[in-house]
């Protein structure tokens, strides 16, 4: 069912998952101990209901089907894995290291999205 959607709808779904996942993680300070898949899913549902036009482009019978929900769960897992496995850029590492020396902090980060969060956090502390 998911595979039958237009490429534009699939891209929009992926983007909504990525955006809401990164936003959810920022809301919990990227603290793994505070992570709850149920809370993330609730956050994503709120996000796409309020912000995503793609939901209106999928027929109701598809949205309600068990098969579609299973495919969406798989897509969510894939998007999360991709985000968590993307390495920070050299520029991010350099910027964070410079800011950490200046501010005397020792934040750790494991992926590009978390590095972006830490970089923003450090820039705010710098002000």
PDB file of N, CA and C in Angstrom:
ATOM      1  N   UNK A   1       0.813  -1.197   0.000  1.00  0.00           N
ATOM      2  CA  UNK A   1       0.000   0.000   0.000  1.00  0.00           C
ATOM      3  C   UNK A   1       0.860   1.266   0.000  1.00  0.00           C
ATOM      4  N   UNK A   2       1.857   1.268   0.904  1.00  0.00           N
ATOM      5  CA  UNK A   2       2.756   2.424   0.958  1.00  0.00           C
ATOM      6  C   UNK A   2       3.467   2.590  -0.377  1.00  0.00           C
ATOM      7  N   UNK A   3       3.929   1.474  -0.927  1.00  0.00           N
ATOM      8  CA  UNK A   3       4.672   1.532  -2.199  1.00  0.00           C
ATOM      9  C   UNK A   3       3.830   2.068  -3.343  1.00  0.00           C
ATOM     10  N   UNK A   4       2.516   2.007  -3.211  1.00  0.00           N
ATOM     11  CA  UNK A   4       1.623   2.490  -4.263  1.00  0.00           C
ATOM     12  C   UNK A   4       1.378   4.005  -4.196  1.00  0.00           C
ATOM     13  N   UNK A   5       1.833   4.637  -3.136  1.00  0.00           N
ATOM     14  CA  UNK A   5       1.644   6.087  -3.005  1.00  0.00           C
ATOM     15  C   UNK A   5       2.562   6.821  -3.977  1.00  0.00           C
ATOM     16  N   UNK A   6       2.202   8.034  -4.332  1.00  0.00           N
ATOM     17  CA  UNK A   6       3.056   8.830  -5.220  1.00  0.00           C
ATOM     18  C   UNK A   6       4.372   9.153  -4.518  1.00  0.00           C
ATOM     19  N   UNK A   7       5.399   9.406  -5.305  1.00  0.00           N
ATOM     20  CA  UNK A   7       6.703   9.712  -4.711  1.00  0.00           C
ATOM     21  C   UNK A   7       6.627  10.973  -3.858  1.00  0.00           C
ATOM     22  N   UNK A   8       5.818  11.945  -4.271  1.00  0.00           N
ATOM     23  CA  UNK A   8       5.676  13.176  -3.491  1.00  0.00           C
ATOM     24  C   UNK A   8       5.087  12.921  -2.114  1.00  0.00           C
ATOM     25  N   UNK A   9       4.087  12.052  -2.047  1.00  0.00           N
ATOM     26  CA  UNK A   9       3.474  11.715  -0.756  1.00  0.00           C
ATOM     27  C   UNK A   9       4.477  10.957   0.110  1.00  0.00           C
ATOM     28  N   UNK A  10       5.211  10.023  -0.489  1.00  0.00           N
ATOM     29  CA  UNK A  10       6.199   9.260   0.277  1.00  0.00           C
ATOM     30  C   UNK A  10       7.297  10.179   0.817  1.00  0.00           C
ATOM     31  N   UNK A  11       7.745  11.128   0.006  1.00  0.00           N
ATOM     32  CA  UNK A  11       8.752  12.092   0.466  1.00  0.00           C
ATOM     33  C   UNK A  11       8.193  12.928   1.613  1.00  0.00           C
ATOM     34  N   UNK A  12       6.948  13.350   1.495  1.00  0.00           N
ATOM     35  CA  UNK A  12       6.323  14.148   2.553  1.00  0.00           C
ATOM     36  C   UNK A  12       6.176  13.354   3.844  1.00  0.00           C
ATOM     37  N   UNK A  13       5.840  12.084   3.735  1.00  0.00           N
ATOM     38  CA  UNK A  13       5.739  11.233   4.923  1.00  0.00           C
ATOM     39  C   UNK A  13       7.101  11.115   5.588  1.00  0.00           C
ATOM     40  N   UNK A  14       8.119  10.842   4.792  1.00  0.00           N
ATOM     41  CA  UNK A  14       9.476  10.710   5.332  1.00  0.00           C
ATOM     42  C   UNK A  14       9.906  12.003   6.017  1.00  0.00           C
ATOM     43  N   UNK A  15       9.646  13.119   5.373  1.00  0.00           N
ATOM     44  CA  UNK A  15      10.016  14.414   5.949  1.00  0.00           C
ATOM     45  C   UNK A  15       9.273  14.649   7.268  1.00  0.00           C
ATOM     46  N   UNK A  16       7.995  14.286   7.325  1.00  0.00           N
ATOM     47  CA  UNK A  16       7.235  14.504   8.559  1.00  0.00           C
ATOM     48  C   UNK A  16       7.779  13.634   9.692  1.00  0.00           C
ATOM     49  N   UNK A  17       8.195  12.416   9.367  1.00  0.00           N
ATOM     50  CA  UNK A  17       8.784  11.538  10.385  1.00  0.00           C
ATOM     51  C   UNK A  17      10.094  12.145  10.879  1.00  0.00           C
ATOM     52  N   UNK A  18      10.967  12.555   9.945  1.00  0.00           N
ATOM     53  CA  UNK A  18      12.269  13.130  10.309  1.00  0.00           C
ATOM     54  C   UNK A  18      12.110  14.382  11.164  1.00  0.00           C
ATOM     55  N   UNK A  19      11.277  15.289  10.698  1.00  0.00           N
ATOM     56  CA  UNK A  19      11.083  16.557  11.401  1.00  0.00           C
ATOM     57  C   UNK A  19      10.541  16.331  12.804  1.00  0.00           C
ATOM     58  N   UNK A  20       9.518  15.504  12.916  1.00  0.00           N
ATOM     59  CA  UNK A  20       8.917  15.295  14.223  1.00  0.00           C
ATOM     60  C   UNK A  20       9.840  14.488  15.140  1.00  0.00           C
ATOM     61  N   UNK A  21      10.633  13.548  14.589  1.00  0.00           N
ATOM     62  CA  UNK A  21      11.582  12.786  15.406  1.00  0.00           C
ATOM     63  C   UNK A  21      12.645  13.706  15.991  1.00  0.00           C
ATOM     64  N   UNK A  22      13.226  14.545  15.151  1.00  0.00           N
ATOM     65  CA  UNK A  22      14.254  15.464  15.637  1.00  0.00           C
ATOM     66  C   UNK A  22      13.672  16.473  16.626  1.00  0.00           C
ATOM     67  N   UNK A  23      12.468  16.933  16.372  1.00  0.00           N
ATOM     68  CA  UNK A  23      11.803  17.861  17.289  1.00  0.00           C
ATOM     69  C   UNK A  23      11.507  17.182  18.629  1.00  0.00           C
ATOM     70  N   UNK A  24      11.027  15.948  18.570  1.00  0.00           N
ATOM     71  CA  UNK A  24      10.752  15.201  19.804  1.00  0.00           C
ATOM     72  C   UNK A  24      12.035  15.008  20.606  1.00  0.00           C
ATOM     73  N   UNK A  25      13.116  14.602  19.933  1.00  0.00           N
ATOM     74  CA  UNK A  25      14.379  14.393  20.645  1.00  0.00           C
ATOM     75  C   UNK A  25      14.895  15.694  21.262  1.00  0.00           C
ATOM     76  N   UNK A  26      14.738  16.794  20.547  1.00  0.00           N
ATOM     77  CA  UNK A  26      15.137  18.088  21.106  1.00  0.00           C
ATOM     78  C   UNK A  26      14.305  18.402  22.350  1.00  0.00           C
ATOM     79  N   UNK A  27      13.029  18.053  22.327  1.00  0.00           N
ATOM     80  CA  UNK A  27      12.154  18.349  23.471  1.00  0.00           C
ATOM     81  C   UNK A  27      12.543  17.558  24.717  1.00  0.00           C
ATOM     82  N   UNK A  28      13.231  16.438  24.528  1.00  0.00           N
ATOM     83  CA  UNK A  28      13.697  15.654  25.680  1.00  0.00           C
ATOM     84  C   UNK A  28      15.216  15.785  25.867  1.00  0.00           C
ATOM     85  N   UNK A  29      15.806  16.770  25.193  1.00  0.00           N
ATOM     86  CA  UNK A  29      17.235  17.032  25.327  1.00  0.00           C
ATOM     87  C   UNK A  29      18.117  15.905  24.823  1.00  0.00           C
ATOM     88  N   UNK A  30      17.631  15.153  23.860  1.00  0.00           N
ATOM     89  CA  UNK A  30      18.360  14.008  23.305  1.00  0.00           C
ATOM     90  C   UNK A  30      18.781  13.036  24.403  1.00  0.00           C
ATOM     91  N   UNK A  31      17.964  12.920  25.446  1.00  0.00           N
ATOM     92  CA  UNK A  31      18.231  12.038  26.578  1.00  0.00           C
ATOM     93  C   UNK A  31      17.610  10.670  26.292  1.00  0.00           C
ATOM     94  N   UNK A  32      18.467   9.680  26.032  1.00  0.00           N
ATOM     95  CA  UNK A  32      17.991   8.339  25.681  1.00  0.00           C
ATOM     96  C   UNK A  32      17.093   7.738  26.756  1.00  0.00           C
ATOM     97  N   UNK A  33      17.365   8.072  28.014  1.00  0.00           N
ATOM     98  CA  UNK A  33      16.577   7.518  29.116  1.00  0.00           C
ATOM     99  C   UNK A  33      15.148   8.051  29.120  1.00  0.00           C
ATOM    100  N   UNK A  34      14.949   9.199  28.544  1.00  0.00           N
ATOM    101  CA  UNK A  34      13.615   9.809  28.498  1.00  0.00           C
ATOM    102  C   UNK A  34      12.842   9.445  27.239  1.00  0.00           C
ATOM    103  N   UNK A  35      13.500   8.748  26.300  1.00  0.00           N
ATOM    104  CA  UNK A  35      12.854   8.418  25.036  1.00  0.00           C
ATOM    105  C   UNK A  35      11.749   7.394  25.238  1.00  0.00           C
ATOM    106  N   UNK A  36      10.624   7.658  24.608  1.00  0.00           N
ATOM    107  CA  UNK A  36       9.495   6.728  24.601  1.00  0.00           C
ATOM    108  C   UNK A  36       8.949   6.681  23.180  1.00  0.00           C
ATOM    109  N   UNK A  37       8.931   5.497  22.592  1.00  0.00           N
ATOM    110  CA  UNK A  37       8.408   5.363  21.236  1.00  0.00           C
ATOM    111  C   UNK A  37       6.944   5.793  21.193  1.00  0.00           C
ATOM    112  N   UNK A  38       6.205   5.479  22.225  1.00  0.00           N
ATOM    113  CA  UNK A  38       4.798   5.872  22.265  1.00  0.00           C
ATOM    114  C   UNK A  38       4.658   7.389  22.254  1.00  0.00           C
ATOM    115  N   UNK A  39       5.494   8.070  23.029  1.00  0.00           N
ATOM    116  CA  UNK A  39       5.445   9.538  23.057  1.00  0.00           C
ATOM    117  C   UNK A  39       5.847  10.124  21.711  1.00  0.00           C
ATOM    118  N   UNK A  40       6.868   9.517  21.086  1.00  0.00           N
ATOM    119  CA  UNK A  40       7.271  10.003  19.765  1.00  0.00           C
ATOM    120  C   UNK A  40       6.139   9.829  18.759  1.00  0.00           C
ATOM    121  N   UNK A  41       5.525   8.658  18.745  1.00  0.00           N
ATOM    122  CA  UNK A  41       4.436   8.402  17.791  1.00  0.00           C
ATOM    123  C   UNK A  41       3.302   9.402  18.018  1.00  0.00           C
ATOM    124  N   UNK A  42       2.973   9.669  19.268  1.00  0.00           N
ATOM    125  CA  UNK A  42       1.931  10.663  19.568  1.00  0.00           C
ATOM    126  C   UNK A  42       2.341  12.035  19.053  1.00  0.00           C
ATOM    127  N   UNK A  43       3.604  12.372  19.228  1.00  0.00           N
ATOM    128  CA  UNK A  43       4.136  13.654  18.742  1.00  0.00           C
ATOM    129  C   UNK A  43       4.061  13.722  17.221  1.00  0.00           C
ATOM    130  N   UNK A  44       4.446  12.630  16.562  1.00  0.00           N
ATOM    131  CA  UNK A  44       4.395  12.588  15.096  1.00  0.00           C
ATOM    132  C   UNK A  44       2.960  12.702  14.596  1.00  0.00           C
ATOM    133  N   UNK A  45       2.038  12.007  15.252  1.00  0.00           N
ATOM    134  CA  UNK A  45       0.632  12.077  14.839  1.00  0.00           C
ATOM    135  C   UNK A  45       0.100  13.505  14.964  1.00  0.00           C
ATOM    136  N   UNK A  46       0.430  14.169  16.053  1.00  0.00           N
ATOM    137  CA  UNK A  46       0.017  15.565  16.223  1.00  0.00           C
ATOM    138  C   UNK A  46       0.616  16.415  15.117  1.00  0.00           C
ATOM    139  N   UNK A  47       1.902  16.190  14.832  1.00  0.00           N
ATOM    140  CA  UNK A  47       2.580  16.965  13.794  1.00  0.00           C
ATOM    141  C   UNK A  47       1.896  16.789  12.445  1.00  0.00           C
ATOM    142  N   UNK A  48       1.689  15.545  12.027  1.00  0.00           N
ATOM    143  CA  UNK A  48       1.141  15.377  10.679  1.00  0.00           C
ATOM    144  C   UNK A  48      -0.327  15.771  10.596  1.00  0.00           C
ATOM    145  N   UNK A  49      -1.059  15.669  11.682  1.00  0.00           N
ATOM    146  CA  UNK A  49      -2.460  16.098  11.647  1.00  0.00           C
ATOM    147  C   UNK A  49      -2.577  17.619  11.534  1.00  0.00           C
ATOM    148  N   UNK A  50      -1.616  18.322  12.130  1.00  0.00           N
ATOM    149  CA  UNK A  50      -1.660  19.784  12.121  1.00  0.00           C
ATOM    150  C   UNK A  50      -0.905  20.409  10.952  1.00  0.00           C
ATOM    151  N   UNK A  51       0.113  19.708  10.434  1.00  0.00           N
ATOM    152  CA  UNK A  51       1.014  20.338   9.474  1.00  0.00           C
ATOM    153  C   UNK A  51       1.156  19.655   8.119  1.00  0.00           C
ATOM    154  N   UNK A  52       0.700  18.435   7.998  1.00  0.00           N
ATOM    155  CA  UNK A  52       1.015  17.674   6.784  1.00  0.00           C
ATOM    156  C   UNK A  52      -0.181  17.576   5.843  1.00  0.00           C
ATOM    157  N   UNK A  53       0.046  17.974   4.610  1.00  0.00           N
ATOM    158  CA  UNK A  53      -1.001  17.874   3.584  1.00  0.00           C
ATOM    159  C   UNK A  53      -1.112  16.455   3.040  1.00  0.00           C
ATOM    160  N   UNK A  54      -0.077  15.630   3.238  1.00  0.00           N
ATOM    161  CA  UNK A  54      -0.098  14.291   2.659  1.00  0.00           C
ATOM    162  C   UNK A  54      -1.223  13.429   3.207  1.00  0.00           C
ATOM    163  N   UNK A  55      -1.625  13.659   4.434  1.00  0.00           N
ATOM    164  CA  UNK A  55      -2.664  12.825   5.051  1.00  0.00           C
ATOM    165  C   UNK A  55      -3.963  12.889   4.246  1.00  0.00           C
ATOM    166  N   UNK A  56      -4.229  14.049   3.657  1.00  0.00           N
ATOM    167  CA  UNK A  56      -5.454  14.239   2.876  1.00  0.00           C
ATOM    168  C   UNK A  56      -5.386  13.558   1.506  1.00  0.00           C
ATOM    169  N   UNK A  57      -4.184  13.175   1.087  1.00  0.00           N
ATOM    170  CA  UNK A  57      -4.001  12.569  -0.230  1.00  0.00           C
ATOM    171  C   UNK A  57      -4.052  11.042  -0.194  1.00  0.00           C
ATOM    172  N   UNK A  58      -4.253  10.488   0.996  1.00  0.00           N
ATOM    173  CA  UNK A  58      -4.307   9.030   1.136  1.00  0.00           C
ATOM    174  C   UNK A  58      -5.756   8.636   1.414  1.00  0.00           C
ATOM    175  N   UNK A  59      -6.292   7.717   0.630  1.00  0.00           N
ATOM    176  CA  UNK A  59      -7.679   7.299   0.836  1.00  0.00           C
ATOM    177  C   UNK A  59      -7.918   6.750   2.253  1.00  0.00           C
ATOM    178  N   UNK A  60      -9.086   6.993   2.785  1.00  0.00           N
ATOM    179  CA  UNK A  60      -9.432   6.571   4.148  1.00  0.00           C
ATOM    180  C   UNK A  60      -9.258   5.066   4.338  1.00  0.00           C
ATOM    181  N   UNK A  61      -9.649   4.271   3.334  1.00  0.00           N
ATOM    182  CA  UNK A  61      -9.521   2.815   3.489  1.00  0.00           C
ATOM    183  C   UNK A  61      -8.052   2.390   3.626  1.00  0.00           C
ATOM    184  N   UNK A  62      -7.145   3.130   2.993  1.00  0.00           N
ATOM    185  CA  UNK A  62      -5.712   2.847   3.139  1.00  0.00           C
ATOM    186  C   UNK A  62      -5.247   3.250   4.533  1.00  0.00           C
ATOM    187  N   UNK A  63      -5.621   4.444   4.964  1.00  0.00           N
ATOM    188  CA  UNK A  63      -5.220   4.938   6.284  1.00  0.00           C
ATOM    189  C   UNK A  63      -5.684   4.014   7.411  1.00  0.00           C
ATOM    190  N   UNK A  64      -6.797   3.361   7.229  1.00  0.00           N
ATOM    191  CA  UNK A  64      -7.359   2.508   8.275  1.00  0.00           C
ATOM    192  C   UNK A  64      -6.884   1.059   8.205  1.00  0.00           C
ATOM    193  N   UNK A  65      -6.168   0.706   7.170  1.00  0.00           N
ATOM    194  CA  UNK A  65      -5.773  -0.698   7.008  1.00  0.00           C
ATOM    195  C   UNK A  65      -4.592  -1.090   7.890  1.00  0.00           C
ATOM    196  N   UNK A  66      -4.642  -2.312   8.368  1.00  0.00           N
ATOM    197  CA  UNK A  66      -3.565  -2.860   9.199  1.00  0.00           C
ATOM    198  C   UNK A  66      -2.268  -2.928   8.403  1.00  0.00           C
ATOM    199  N   UNK A  67      -2.369  -3.327   7.150  1.00  0.00           N
ATOM    200  CA  UNK A  67      -1.179  -3.436   6.300  1.00  0.00           C
ATOM    201  C   UNK A  67      -0.462  -2.082   6.191  1.00  0.00           C
ATOM    202  N   UNK A  68      -1.220  -1.022   5.987  1.00  0.00           N
ATOM    203  CA  UNK A  68      -0.622   0.306   5.875  1.00  0.00           C
ATOM    204  C   UNK A  68       0.057   0.696   7.187  1.00  0.00           C
ATOM    205  N   UNK A  69      -0.570   0.401   8.306  1.00  0.00           N
ATOM    206  CA  UNK A  69       0.026   0.722   9.612  1.00  0.00           C
ATOM    207  C   UNK A  69       1.329  -0.042   9.825  1.00  0.00           C
ATOM    208  N   UNK A  70       1.362  -1.285   9.398  1.00  0.00           N
ATOM    209  CA  UNK A  70       2.594  -2.078   9.511  1.00  0.00           C
ATOM    210  C   UNK A  70       3.692  -1.500   8.616  1.00  0.00           C
ATOM    211  N   UNK A  71       3.317  -1.097   7.413  1.00  0.00           N
ATOM    212  CA  UNK A  71       4.298  -0.486   6.505  1.00  0.00           C
ATOM    213  C   UNK A  71       4.795   0.849   7.065  1.00  0.00           C
ATOM    214  N   UNK A  72       3.909   1.601   7.686  1.00  0.00           N
ATOM    215  CA  UNK A  72       4.322   2.878   8.282  1.00  0.00           C
ATOM    216  C   UNK A  72       5.266   2.643   9.461  1.00  0.00           C
ATOM    217  N   UNK A  73       5.003   1.628  10.259  1.00  0.00           N
ATOM    218  CA  UNK A  73       5.897   1.305  11.376  1.00  0.00           C
ATOM    219  C   UNK A  73       7.287   0.963  10.850  1.00  0.00           C
ATOM    220  N   UNK A  74       7.338   0.211   9.764  1.00  0.00           N
ATOM    221  CA  UNK A  74       8.624  -0.125   9.147  1.00  0.00           C
ATOM    222  C   UNK A  74       9.308   1.134   8.619  1.00  0.00           C
ATOM    223  N   UNK A  75       8.550   2.027   8.000  1.00  0.00           N
ATOM    224  CA  UNK A  75       9.120   3.274   7.470  1.00  0.00           C
ATOM    225  C   UNK A  75       9.656   4.131   8.605  1.00  0.00           C
ATOM    226  N   UNK A  76       8.930   4.208   9.700  1.00  0.00           N
ATOM    227  CA  UNK A  76       9.395   4.972  10.862  1.00  0.00           C
ATOM    228  C   UNK A  76      10.722   4.407  11.349  1.00  0.00           C
ATOM    229  N   UNK A  77      10.808   3.089  11.479  1.00  0.00           N
ATOM    230  CA  UNK A  77      12.061   2.456  11.915  1.00  0.00           C
ATOM    231  C   UNK A  77      13.208   2.788  10.963  1.00  0.00           C
ATOM    232  N   UNK A  78      12.943   2.748   9.658  1.00  0.00           N
ATOM    233  CA  UNK A  78      13.981   3.056   8.665  1.00  0.00           C
ATOM    234  C   UNK A  78      14.456   4.499   8.777  1.00  0.00           C
ATOM    235  N   UNK A  79      13.516   5.425   8.912  1.00  0.00           N
ATOM    236  CA  UNK A  79      13.872   6.848   8.999  1.00  0.00           C
ATOM    237  C   UNK A  79      14.674   7.117  10.277  1.00  0.00           C
ATOM    238  N   UNK A  80      14.233   6.547  11.383  1.00  0.00           N
ATOM    239  CA  UNK A  80      14.951   6.734  12.650  1.00  0.00           C
ATOM    240  C   UNK A  80      16.368   6.166  12.535  1.00  0.00           C
ATOM    241  N   UNK A  81      16.501   4.974  11.983  1.00  0.00           N
ATOM    242  CA  UNK A  81      17.831   4.363  11.829  1.00  0.00           C
ATOM    243  C   UNK A  81      18.727   5.242  10.973  1.00  0.00           C
ATOM    244  N   UNK A  82      18.184   5.784   9.891  1.00  0.00           N
ATOM    245  CA  UNK A  82      18.980   6.650   9.014  1.00  0.00           C
ATOM    246  C   UNK A  82      19.452   7.899   9.769  1.00  0.00           C
ATOM    247  N   UNK A  83      18.563   8.514  10.518  1.00  0.00           N
ATOM    248  CA  UNK A  83      18.929   9.718  11.282  1.00  0.00           C
ATOM    249  C   UNK A  83      20.018   9.389  12.295  1.00  0.00           C
ATOM    250  N   UNK A  84      19.831   8.310  13.040  1.00  0.00           N
ATOM    251  CA  UNK A  84      20.768   7.967  14.116  1.00  0.00           C
ATOM    252  C   UNK A  84      22.111   7.461  13.611  1.00  0.00           C
ATOM    253  N   UNK A  85      22.166   7.043  12.351  1.00  0.00           N
ATOM    254  CA  UNK A  85      23.420   6.517  11.801  1.00  0.00           C
ATOM    255  C   UNK A  85      24.166   7.502  10.908  1.00  0.00           C
ATOM    256  N   UNK A  86      23.609   8.687  10.710  1.00  0.00           N
ATOM    257  CA  UNK A  86      24.285   9.688   9.876  1.00  0.00           C
ATOM    258  C   UNK A  86      25.346  10.407  10.707  1.00  0.00           C
ATOM    259  N   UNK A  87      26.569  10.303  10.265  1.00  0.00           N
ATOM    260  CA  UNK A  87      27.709  10.874  11.001  1.00  0.00           C
ATOM    261  C   UNK A  87      27.658  12.406  11.011  1.00  0.00           C
ATOM    262  N   UNK A  88      28.109  13.019  12.121  1.00  0.00           N
ATOM    263  CA  UNK A  88      28.229  14.482  12.134  1.00  0.00           C
ATOM    264  C   UNK A  88      29.217  14.928  11.065  1.00  0.00           C
ATOM    265  N   UNK A  89      29.021  16.132  10.542  1.00  0.00           N
ATOM    266  CA  UNK A  89      29.939  16.647   9.535  1.00  0.00           C
ATOM    267  C   UNK A  89      31.211  17.150  10.212  1.00  0.00           C
ATOM    268  N   UNK A  90      32.263  17.259   9.423  1.00  0.00           N
ATOM    269  CA  UNK A  90      33.530  17.792   9.950  1.00  0.00           C
ATOM    270  C   UNK A  90      33.321  19.214  10.475  1.00  0.00           C
ATOM    271  N   UNK A  91      32.521  19.994   9.775  1.00  0.00           N
ATOM    272  CA  UNK A  91      32.249  21.372  10.209  1.00  0.00           C
ATOM    273  C   UNK A  91      31.506  21.388  11.543  1.00  0.00           C
ATOM    274  N   UNK A  92      30.536  20.505  11.710  1.00  0.00           N
ATOM    275  CA  UNK A  92      29.817  20.430  12.985  1.00  0.00           C
ATOM    276  C   UNK A  92      30.779  20.081  14.121  1.00  0.00           C
ATOM    277  N   UNK A  93      31.612  19.087  13.894  1.00  0.00           N
ATOM    278  CA  UNK A  93      32.562  18.656  14.921  1.00  0.00           C
ATOM    279  C   UNK A  93      33.494  19.799  15.289  1.00  0.00           C
ATOM    280  N   UNK A  94      34.011  20.474  14.288  1.00  0.00           N
ATOM    281  CA  UNK A  94      34.927  21.591  14.519  1.00  0.00           C
ATOM    282  C   UNK A  94      34.237  22.706  15.314  1.00  0.00           C
ATOM    283  N   UNK A  95      33.033  23.072  14.905  1.00  0.00           N
ATOM    284  CA  UNK A  95      32.295  24.137  15.583  1.00  0.00           C
ATOM    285  C   UNK A  95      31.993  23.755  17.026  1.00  0.00           C
ATOM    286  N   UNK A  96      31.533  22.529  17.234  1.00  0.00           N
ATOM    287  CA  UNK A  96      31.193  22.078  18.584  1.00  0.00           C
ATOM    288  C   UNK A  96      32.433  22.042  19.463  1.00  0.00           C
ATOM    289  N   UNK A  97      33.528  21.526  18.949  1.00  0.00           N
ATOM    290  CA  UNK A  97      34.769  21.473  19.737  1.00  0.00           C
ATOM    291  C   UNK A  97      35.216  22.868  20.135  1.00  0.00           C
ATOM    292  N   UNK A  98      35.152  23.812  19.199  1.00  0.00           N
ATOM    293  CA  UNK A  98      35.536  25.200  19.489  1.00  0.00           C
ATOM    294  C   UNK A  98      34.636  25.787  20.568  1.00  0.00           C
ATOM    295  N   UNK A  99      33.338  25.613  20.422  1.00  0.00           N
ATOM    296  CA  UNK A  99      32.392  26.148  21.406  1.00  0.00           C
ATOM    297  C   UNK A  99      32.562  25.475  22.767  1.00  0.00           C
ATOM    298  N   UNK A 100      32.816  24.182  22.778  1.00  0.00           N
ATOM    299  CA  UNK A 100      32.986  23.474  24.051  1.00  0.00           C
ATOM    300  C   UNK A 100      34.235  23.960  24.787  1.00  0.00           C
ATOM    301  N   UNK A 101      35.312  24.216  24.060  1.00  0.00           N
ATOM    302  CA  UNK A 101      36.519  24.758  24.697  1.00  0.00           C
ATOM    303  C   UNK A 101      36.228  26.124  25.296  1.00  0.00           C
ATOM    304  N   UNK A 102      35.531  26.943  24.526  1.00  0.00           N
ATOM    305  CA  UNK A 102      35.196  28.302  24.968  1.00  0.00           C
ATOM    306  C   UNK A 102      34.275  28.289  26.193  1.00  0.00           C
ATOM    307  N   UNK A 103      33.315  27.370  26.207  1.00  0.00           N
ATOM    308  CA  UNK A 103      32.313  27.356  27.270  1.00  0.00           C
ATOM    309  C   UNK A 103      32.631  26.371  28.394  1.00  0.00           C
ATOM    310  N   UNK A 104      33.647  25.538  28.205  1.00  0.00           N
ATOM    311  CA  UNK A 104      34.010  24.564  29.231  1.00  0.00           C
ATOM    312  C   UNK A 104      32.977  23.450  29.396  1.00  0.00           C
ATOM    313  N   UNK A 105      32.364  23.050  28.310  1.00  0.00           N
ATOM    314  CA  UNK A 105      31.365  21.982  28.373  1.00  0.00           C
ATOM    315  C   UNK A 105      31.920  20.699  27.771  1.00  0.00           C
ATOM    316  N   UNK A 106      31.228  19.594  28.019  1.00  0.00           N
ATOM    317  CA  UNK A 106      31.669  18.297  27.501  1.00  0.00           C
ATOM    318  C   UNK A 106      30.485  17.484  26.987  1.00  0.00           C
ATOM    319  N   UNK A 107      29.679  18.093  26.152  1.00  0.00           N
ATOM    320  CA  UNK A 107      28.555  17.376  25.559  1.00  0.00           C
ATOM    321  C   UNK A 107      29.065  16.333  24.579  1.00  0.00           C
ATOM    322  N   UNK A 108      28.375  15.222  24.544  1.00  0.00           N
ATOM    323  CA  UNK A 108      28.687  14.195  23.554  1.00  0.00           C
ATOM    324  C   UNK A 108      27.534  14.123  22.556  1.00  0.00           C
ATOM    325  N   UNK A 109      27.834  13.614  21.389  1.00  0.00           N
ATOM    326  CA  UNK A 109      26.835  13.491  20.335  1.00  0.00           C
ATOM    327  C   UNK A 109      27.272  12.369  19.414  1.00  0.00           C
ATOM    328  N   UNK A 110      26.289  11.684  18.877  1.00  0.00           N
ATOM    329  CA  UNK A 110      26.599  10.494  18.088  1.00  0.00           C
ATOM    330  C   UNK A 110      26.188  10.573  16.627  1.00  0.00           C
ATOM    331  N   UNK A 111      25.376  11.541  16.278  1.00  0.00           N
ATOM    332  CA  UNK A 111      24.906  11.611  14.894  1.00  0.00           C
ATOM    333  C   UNK A 111      24.777  13.072  14.469  1.00  0.00           C
ATOM    334  N   UNK A 112      24.564  13.267  13.182  1.00  0.00           N
ATOM    335  CA  UNK A 112      24.481  14.608  12.615  1.00  0.00           C
ATOM    336  C   UNK A 112      23.349  15.426  13.247  1.00  0.00           C
ATOM    337  N   UNK A 113      22.192  14.803  13.432  1.00  0.00           N
ATOM    338  CA  UNK A 113      21.043  15.529  13.996  1.00  0.00           C
ATOM    339  C   UNK A 113      21.305  15.929  15.446  1.00  0.00           C
ATOM    340  N   UNK A 114      21.912  15.038  16.212  1.00  0.00           N
ATOM    341  CA  UNK A 114      22.236  15.371  17.606  1.00  0.00           C
ATOM    342  C   UNK A 114      23.311  16.448  17.646  1.00  0.00           C
ATOM    343  N   UNK A 115      24.264  16.385  16.737  1.00  0.00           N
ATOM    344  CA  UNK A 115      25.300  17.420  16.667  1.00  0.00           C
ATOM    345  C   UNK A 115      24.672  18.779  16.370  1.00  0.00           C
ATOM    346  N   UNK A 116      23.691  18.813  15.493  1.00  0.00           N
ATOM    347  CA  UNK A 116      22.995  20.073  15.190  1.00  0.00           C
ATOM    348  C   UNK A 116      22.309  20.616  16.445  1.00  0.00           C
ATOM    349  N   UNK A 117      21.706  19.716  17.217  1.00  0.00           N
ATOM    350  CA  UNK A 117      21.056  20.112  18.470  1.00  0.00           C
ATOM    351  C   UNK A 117      22.091  20.677  19.451  1.00  0.00           C
ATOM    352  N   UNK A 118      23.210  19.979  19.625  1.00  0.00           N
ATOM    353  CA  UNK A 118      24.264  20.417  20.553  1.00  0.00           C
ATOM    354  C   UNK A 118      24.865  21.741  20.093  1.00  0.00           C
ATOM    355  N   UNK A 119      25.096  21.874  18.805  1.00  0.00           N
ATOM    356  CA  UNK A 119      25.655  23.112  18.269  1.00  0.00           C
ATOM    357  C   UNK A 119      24.727  24.291  18.583  1.00  0.00           C
ATOM    358  N   UNK A 120      23.440  24.122  18.366  1.00  0.00           N
ATOM    359  CA  UNK A 120      22.477  25.179  18.658  1.00  0.00           C
ATOM    360  C   UNK A 120      22.449  25.488  20.150  1.00  0.00           C
ATOM    361  N   UNK A 121      22.467  24.439  20.971  1.00  0.00           N
ATOM    362  CA  UNK A 121      22.471  24.615  22.420  1.00  0.00           C
ATOM    363  C   UNK A 121      23.697  25.427  22.872  1.00  0.00           C
ATOM    364  N   UNK A 122      24.852  25.088  22.331  1.00  0.00           N
ATOM    365  CA  UNK A 122      26.084  25.802  22.685  1.00  0.00           C
ATOM    366  C   UNK A 122      26.064  27.251  22.211  1.00  0.00           C
ATOM    367  N   UNK A 123      25.525  27.483  21.031  1.00  0.00           N
ATOM    368  CA  UNK A 123      25.440  28.860  20.517  1.00  0.00           C
ATOM    369  C   UNK A 123      24.516  29.703  21.385  1.00  0.00           C
ATOM    370  N   UNK A 124      23.461  29.100  21.899  1.00  0.00           N
ATOM    371  CA  UNK A 124      22.561  29.825  22.798  1.00  0.00           C
ATOM    372  C   UNK A 124      23.256  30.127  24.125  1.00  0.00           C
ATOM    373  N   UNK A 125      24.057  29.177  24.623  1.00  0.00           N
ATOM    374  CA  UNK A 125      24.804  29.405  25.873  1.00  0.00           C
ATOM    375  C   UNK A 125      25.861  30.484  25.702  1.00  0.00           C
ATOM    376  N   UNK A 126      26.369  30.582  24.492  1.00  0.00           N
ATOM    377  CA  UNK A 126      27.419  31.541  24.181  1.00  0.00           C
ATOM    378  C   UNK A 126      26.898  32.985  24.258  1.00  0.00           C
ATOM    379  N   UNK A 127      25.626  33.182  23.984  1.00  0.00           N
ATOM    380  CA  UNK A 127      25.041  34.542  23.948  1.00  0.00           C
ATOM    381  C   UNK A 127      25.022  35.204  25.284  1.00  0.00           C
TER     382      UNK A 127
END
